[in-house]
Amino acid sequence: MLKIYNTLTKTKDEFTPIEKGKVKMYVCGPTVYDSPHIGHARSAYVFEMARRYFEHVGLEVILVRNVTDVDDKIINKAASELEENSGDDEGNLLKEKCQEVAKRYLDEYHQAMDSLDITRPEHEPKATENINEMIRFIEVLVAKKHAYVADGNVYFSVESFDKYGELSGQDIENMRSGTRVDADANKRHQLDFALWKKVKPSEPSWESPWGAGRPGWHIECSVMSTGILGSEFDIHGGGLDLIFPHHENERAQAEAKTGCPFARVWMHNGFLTVSGEKMSKSLGNFITVEDHFKKHPDLDLLKMLFLSSHYRSPVDYSEDKIKEAASAKSRITRFIENVNKEAGKCSERDVASSDSDTSENSFTQAMDDDFNTPGALSAIFEAVQSGNNSLVSGNIEEACKARNFIVKYADILGLSLKIQGVDEGEAGKIEELIAKRVKARAGKAFDEADAIREKLIEMGIEIEDTPEGTIWRKN
């Protein structure tokens, strides 16, 4: 039975879909004002991994991932790019520029996720395409006394929702005392948050019953998730940084409107650091997905780094960690290549089989334990070790089974196990040179071995001698 850690209950809960055979999942998507970075990639990959495992156990997944395409950051970005203009149409010019900025960076986001072979969601609603739905949603909250109008703004009243703070595990009075004094005198409570913001000069705006303005950030997710998946759905996902205030506010709005539970399970992925520090442009360690692929075109390496840590734990990106990921992948691909050379000796049944009870049980137990991907990777490497032992002992059929298990279950994790930039012919030449080097070293012909290493380096191949043999990777 699959168990998932639920941020709301603070426990690992057995997962049973609301609708038999179907998982309805909403994940907070990008605010499209800048190029996607490796932190975005981690969050998207976490939920891609969950999706693939759900599908592996026979569940249909309906994934919704929103796009925030109107926001202070987008407006600021657009304004900085917009040449100075004046006149009555200034607001329209900025609105058009915001659309241009949002489209540009959404295209970049799609390209980045596609490059990682991350499946696009079934639904990808945009905030600006759901303004009317947000207005109707807010009108219901106002009618139910969960929201109030003040000088063209509409605020949600946190005191009207008695479960406010449950998701983040905070007490509303403690939150009040720990909150700085808000400059907005229109609010009744310091923690009340905007559902609708009164228009500011030159900003993009839409008409509403409360005057021209635009929606607050939190309202879009409540509206689009329930509008597509229904009042109650299975999983709501996002980064740890979204628990408060964003997800706390989402839950309050949705349940205040519908009177029903919102998301049953709240999944949150951990933070990503770069060489032990928070990623930031000011620190010079801001790494976009494109920057990463320029140095490391193998799409598996970033994924293996992510898989090596539990999704709720922090993960640190560094060149050393990427090198470790490359070495780990090389252990897998080298075994597969060695089996493929002997695969003609496998029976037809073994070529098609992926039966490996011990490995499959280990993999399944790990993934059923809140998507424990380090444990799942361990099961794959155990299969590599047992498969290598089978090769040494001449048991080719068992080696074929191990290979098939590895390929099948690595695919569940989204790993391609392809050797980046190396075709079969070149791979054969590389293996031949490595075999000659091994023989030269065994015969103490170290000058010859060193010359072969230099030739491999010239070919862009890095090698590493390990207790299990020599592994290689393309630089």
Foldseek 3Di string as FASTA:
>chain_A
DFWAQFLLVRGTHDADWPDPQEAEEEEEAEAQQDAAFLQNVLQLLVVLLVCLVSVVVRHHYAYEYEYELDDPSLLVSLVVVDDDDDDDCLLVSSVVSSVVRRVVRVVNVVVLCVLLVRDDGPHYYYQVVCQVLLLVLLVLCVVLVQWDDFLLWIWGDQVVFVCQCSSVVDDPVVVQVVDDDDPPPRDPGRPIDTQWDEDDPSHHWDQHPSGTTGGDDQSSSLRVSCVPPNLEGEEYEEAPVCSPPRVSVSQRSSCSRPVDGHYPGYYHFYEEAEPPHRADVVVVRTGGSVNVCVVPVQSVLSLQQSLLDQRNDYGYDYPVSSVVSQVLLLLLLVLLVVLVVVVVVADPVLLPALDDPVLVVQLVVCCSHNHNSSSNVVSLVVLSVVLLVCVVVVVSSSVSNSNVNNCVSVVSSVHNSDAPPADPVRVVVLVVLQVVLVVCVVVVVVVSNVVSCVVCVVVQKDWDQDPSGITIHHD
